[in-house]
Amino acid sequence: FMGVANSDATLYDDELQEIKKNYPDQFRVDYALSREQKNKDGGKMYIQDKMEEYADQIFDLLENGAIMYVCGLKGMMPGINEMLEKVAKGKGKDWSEMQKDLKKKGQWHVEVY
């Protein structure tokens, strides 16, 4: 997932589309364009909103060994964590404990500034 304000700000889109073309079953890219898209409530589309659209897949992938990297501005992390906590709770899971376990297994990486 990549979150930016406008579609003209998508970094490395040519390269990402080439990877997607060459590895369609192993790679997906989806954008959250805050000034061009609306979330399910009609507000701006932020990265946590786009991720929530795929929440079931994200949790399934993580539970089956996928590695997640979250990179970017530190201001996005509260929204991402709140969304993951809400989704986990709906699945009868504790996101805090799950996150600790994912970190321990090397599946959860956050690089924010």
Foldseek 3Di string as FASTA:
>chain_A
DEEDQDPVPDPPPVVLVVVCVVCVPPDDDDYQHQNPDAAPVRHGGGPLRVCLVCLVVVVVCLVVPAADEAEEAPVCVVSNLVSNCVVQVVVVHGVVVSQVVCVVVNRYHYHHD
